[in-house]
Amino acid sequence: MNIPRFLVASVAALAVFTVPVAAADDAAFNAELLSIQKAWAKVNYETPAGDAREQAFDQLEKRAEQFVQQNPGRAEALIWEAIVESSYAGAKGGLGALGLCKEARGNLEAAMAIDPDALEGSAYTSLGTLYYKVPGFPVGFGDHDKARKLLKKALEVNPNGIDPNYFYAEFLYEEGEYAQALQHLDRAAKAPPRPGRESADKGRRAEIAALAAKVRKEAG
């Protein structure tokens, strides 16, 4: 069947304009995602503990929430809103932080429903960490069995990543499994650098060194 020439021209024109728009949207999304990641590292590692850090996380949480609203259905945005909420909860402390942890859990579960392997399985790492840091019933939803399962799944997705190895090591330390904790801290220390996230890598490597020293001391 012959396709009318004007339709051929129209389809060609549509292709020309559609591809760059999609590419531009992805570029804008990735740029804002990286900007939020860098802002998180600055607050988490460079802002003094106390009111200043809490206020900075509050502002960043609002920004991350807006990012999710502007990008519905994007697992990466949900994951990073959850990471900011979890960190904000840590800065806030006390029972008042539990609401933020529940919001973070909801966002991570929503992200996993969309794409469980997004950002190299970061939802598994973040949700597993929540499950072992949050108090258990009746105060909170903490569950060490769920934490172990999720953290091990994160390592299946990203076996050499700095974050899944660090957080699994921290969990193992809390469980008194020192030899395994040191193995994963060694892997975390040898993890490849993440482009654009130099500040986060620097801060995490300092945490790795500090935890390794603590584990060795406890292990005797």
Protein backbone atom coordinates (compact mmCIF):
# COMPACT_ATOMS: atom_id res chain seq x y z
CA MET A 1 0.00 0.00 0.00
CA ASN A 2 1.33 3.46 -0.89
CA ILE A 3 1.49 5.90 2.04
CA PRO A 4 0.54 9.48 1.10
CA ARG A 5 3.59 11.71 0.89
CA PHE A 6 2.26 14.25 3.35
CA LEU A 7 1.86 11.48 5.98
CA VAL A 8 5.41 10.33 5.42
CA ALA A 9 6.60 13.89 5.94
CA SER A 10 4.44 14.26 9.04
CA VAL A 11 5.75 11.03 10.61
CA ALA A 12 9.32 12.03 9.83
CA ALA A 13 8.77 15.43 11.39
CA LEU A 14 7.22 13.82 14.47
CA ALA A 15 10.23 11.54 14.85
CA VAL A 16 12.59 14.47 14.59
CA PHE A 17 10.83 16.37 17.35
CA THR A 18 9.89 13.48 19.65
CA VAL A 19 13.33 12.00 20.22
CA PRO A 20 15.02 15.22 21.35
CA VAL A 21 12.11 16.05 23.69
CA ALA A 22 12.39 12.65 25.36
CA ALA A 23 16.14 13.02 25.58
CA ALA A 24 15.75 16.50 27.03
CA ASP A 25 13.26 15.24 29.62
CA ASP A 26 15.65 12.47 30.68
CA ALA A 27 18.54 14.92 30.85
CA ALA A 28 16.52 17.29 33.04
CA PHE A 29 15.39 14.42 35.28
CA ASN A 30 18.92 13.08 35.70
CA ALA A 31 20.30 16.56 36.37
CA GLU A 32 17.79 17.20 39.16
CA LEU A 33 18.33 13.72 40.59
CA LEU A 34 22.08 14.30 40.76
CA SER A 35 21.51 17.75 42.27
CA ILE A 36 19.37 16.23 45.04
CA GLN A 37 22.01 13.56 45.64
CA LYS A 38 24.72 16.21 45.96
CA ALA A 39 22.54 18.33 48.25
CA TRP A 40 21.91 15.29 50.44
CA ALA A 41 25.66 14.62 50.75
CA LYS A 42 26.28 18.24 51.72
CA VAL A 43 23.63 18.16 54.45
CA ASN A 44 24.49 14.67 55.66
CA TYR A 45 28.26 15.03 55.79
CA GLU A 46 29.03 18.75 55.95
CA THR A 47 26.20 20.35 57.96
CA PRO A 48 26.72 20.32 61.75
CA ALA A 49 24.32 18.18 63.75
CA GLY A 50 21.48 20.02 65.42
CA ASP A 51 18.87 22.50 64.28
CA ALA A 52 20.81 23.49 61.15
CA ARG A 53 20.94 19.94 59.82
CA GLU A 54 17.32 19.26 60.72
CA GLN A 55 16.16 22.41 58.93
CA ALA A 56 18.30 21.62 55.89
CA PHE A 57 16.80 18.14 55.64
CA ASP A 58 13.32 19.60 56.01
CA GLN A 59 13.92 21.84 52.99
CA LEU A 60 15.49 19.01 51.00
CA GLU A 61 12.56 16.72 51.80
CA LYS A 62 10.15 19.30 50.36
CA ARG A 63 12.29 19.50 47.23
CA ALA A 64 12.41 15.71 46.89
CA GLU A 65 8.64 15.51 47.35
CA GLN A 66 8.14 18.05 44.56
CA PHE A 67 10.52 16.02 42.37
CA VAL A 68 8.30 12.96 42.85
CA GLN A 69 5.16 14.95 42.03
CA GLN A 70 6.75 16.24 38.85
CA ASN A 71 7.87 12.75 37.82
CA PRO A 72 5.07 10.31 38.63
CA GLY A 73 5.91 6.69 38.07
CA ARG A 74 9.68 7.19 38.38
CA ALA A 75 11.16 4.79 40.91
CA GLU A 76 14.39 6.78 41.18
CA ALA A 77 12.54 9.87 42.44
CA LEU A 78 10.64 7.84 45.03
CA ILE A 79 13.84 6.20 46.25
CA TRP A 80 15.53 9.53 46.79
CA GLU A 81 12.57 11.06 48.57
CA ALA A 82 12.72 8.03 50.89
CA ILE A 83 16.48 8.43 51.43
CA VAL A 84 16.01 12.08 52.34
CA GLU A 85 13.11 11.21 54.66
CA SER A 86 15.16 8.51 56.38
CA SER A 87 18.10 10.86 56.87
CA TYR A 88 15.77 13.59 58.12
CA ALA A 89 14.36 11.08 60.63
CA GLY A 90 17.89 10.36 61.84
CA ALA A 91 18.58 14.07 62.30
CA LYS A 92 15.25 14.60 64.04
CA GLY A 93 15.49 11.61 66.38
CA GLY A 94 13.02 10.34 68.93
CA LEU A 95 9.51 9.06 68.36
CA GLY A 96 8.76 12.12 66.23
CA ALA A 97 10.95 10.59 63.52
CA LEU A 98 8.79 7.48 63.20
CA GLY A 99 6.30 9.20 60.89
CA LEU A 100 9.10 10.07 58.47
CA CYS A 101 10.32 6.47 58.55
CA LYS A 102 6.82 5.23 57.69
CA GLU A 103 6.65 7.68 54.78
CA ALA A 104 10.04 6.47 53.60
CA ARG A 105 8.90 2.85 53.80
CA GLY A 106 5.82 3.68 51.70
CA ASN A 107 7.90 5.43 49.05
CA LEU A 108 10.38 2.56 48.86
CA GLU A 109 7.61 0.00 48.52
CA ALA A 110 6.06 2.11 45.76
CA ALA A 111 9.43 2.35 43.99
CA MET A 112 9.91 -1.42 44.20
CA ALA A 113 6.48 -1.97 42.67
CA ILE A 114 7.59 0.11 39.68
CA ASP A 115 11.16 -1.10 39.28
CA PRO A 116 12.78 -3.05 42.14
CA ASP A 117 16.24 -2.88 40.54
CA ALA A 118 16.22 0.91 39.95
CA LEU A 119 19.45 2.67 40.93
CA GLU A 120 21.16 -0.71 41.25
CA GLY A 121 18.72 -2.00 43.84
CA SER A 122 18.93 1.03 46.14
CA ALA A 123 15.36 0.47 47.34
CA TYR A 124 16.38 -2.89 48.79
CA THR A 125 19.31 -1.29 50.62
CA SER A 126 17.30 1.62 51.99
CA LEU A 127 14.28 -0.45 53.04
CA GLY A 128 16.49 -3.11 54.64
CA THR A 129 18.29 -0.40 56.59
CA LEU A 130 15.00 1.02 57.80
CA TYR A 131 13.87 -2.37 59.02
CA TYR A 132 16.89 -2.79 61.29
CA LYS A 133 17.16 0.80 62.49
CA VAL A 134 13.49 1.38 63.34
CA PRO A 135 12.29 -0.07 66.67
CA GLY A 136 10.19 -3.21 66.49
CA PHE A 137 6.60 -3.78 67.58
CA PRO A 138 4.77 -2.22 69.39
CA VAL A 139 6.68 1.04 68.87
CA GLY A 140 7.60 0.70 65.22
CA PHE A 141 7.82 -1.69 62.28
CA GLY A 142 11.42 -2.85 62.73
CA ASP A 143 12.14 -6.45 61.75
CA HIS A 144 15.68 -7.86 61.58
CA ASP A 145 14.64 -10.90 59.56
CA LYS A 146 13.15 -8.68 56.86
CA ALA A 147 16.21 -6.44 57.06
CA ARG A 148 18.60 -9.32 56.40
CA LYS A 149 16.54 -10.58 53.46
CA LEU A 150 16.35 -7.14 51.82
CA LEU A 151 20.02 -6.30 52.37
CA LYS A 152 21.09 -9.64 50.87
CA LYS A 153 18.82 -8.97 47.89
CA ALA A 154 20.49 -5.57 47.44
CA LEU A 155 23.85 -7.34 47.24
CA GLU A 156 22.51 -9.73 44.61
CA VAL A 157 21.65 -6.72 42.45
CA ASN A 158 24.81 -4.72 43.20
CA PRO A 159 27.42 -7.03 44.78
CA ASN A 160 30.31 -4.55 44.60
CA GLY A 161 28.44 -1.38 45.53
CA ILE A 162 29.66 0.81 48.36
CA ASP A 163 26.25 1.32 49.99
CA PRO A 164 24.85 -2.25 49.99
CA ASN A 165 28.11 -3.60 51.39
CA TYR A 166 28.40 -0.87 54.03
CA PHE A 167 24.84 -1.18 55.29
CA TYR A 168 24.92 -4.96 55.32
CA ALA A 169 28.18 -4.75 57.27
CA GLU A 170 26.55 -2.36 59.75
CA PHE A 171 23.65 -4.79 60.14
CA LEU A 172 26.02 -7.72 60.65
CA TYR A 173 27.92 -5.72 63.28
CA GLU A 174 24.68 -5.06 65.16
CA GLU A 175 23.98 -8.81 64.98
CA GLY A 176 27.42 -9.65 66.39
CA GLU A 177 28.59 -11.28 63.15
CA TYR A 178 31.96 -9.53 63.12
CA ALA A 179 33.92 -11.65 60.63
CA GLN A 180 31.29 -11.26 57.93
CA ALA A 181 30.92 -7.58 58.74
CA LEU A 182 34.63 -7.03 58.08
CA GLN A 183 34.40 -8.89 54.78
CA HIS A 184 31.66 -6.57 53.55
CA LEU A 185 33.45 -3.48 54.86
CA ASP A 186 36.48 -4.52 52.82
CA ARG A 187 34.28 -4.82 49.73
CA ALA A 188 32.71 -1.45 50.46
CA ALA A 189 36.14 0.17 50.79
CA LYS A 190 37.14 -1.26 47.40
CA ALA A 191 33.93 -0.21 45.63
CA PRO A 192 34.36 1.77 42.40
CA PRO A 193 33.81 5.53 42.64
CA ARG A 194 30.45 6.94 41.59
CA PRO A 195 30.75 9.72 38.98
CA GLY A 196 29.36 13.00 40.25
CA ARG A 197 29.02 11.71 43.80
CA GLU A 198 32.51 12.34 45.08
CA SER A 199 31.33 14.02 48.28
CA ALA A 200 29.02 11.12 49.13
CA ASP A 201 31.80 8.62 48.45
CA LYS A 202 34.22 10.54 50.67
CA GLY A 203 31.72 10.65 53.52
CA ARG A 204 30.79 7.00 53.17
CA ARG A 205 34.45 5.91 53.10
CA ALA A 206 34.99 7.74 56.38
CA GLU A 207 32.03 5.84 57.84
CA ILE A 208 33.47 2.56 56.52
CA ALA A 209 36.81 3.21 58.23
CA ALA A 210 35.13 4.18 61.50
CA LEU A 211 32.90 1.11 61.52
CA ALA A 212 35.81 -1.20 60.61
CA ALA A 213 37.77 0.10 63.62
CA LYS A 214 34.76 -0.47 65.86
CA VAL A 215 34.20 -4.01 64.56
CA ARG A 216 37.86 -4.95 65.04
CA LYS A 217 37.76 -3.62 68.60
CA GLU A 218 34.60 -5.59 69.42
CA ALA A 219 35.97 -8.73 67.76
CA GLY A 220 39.13 -8.55 69.86
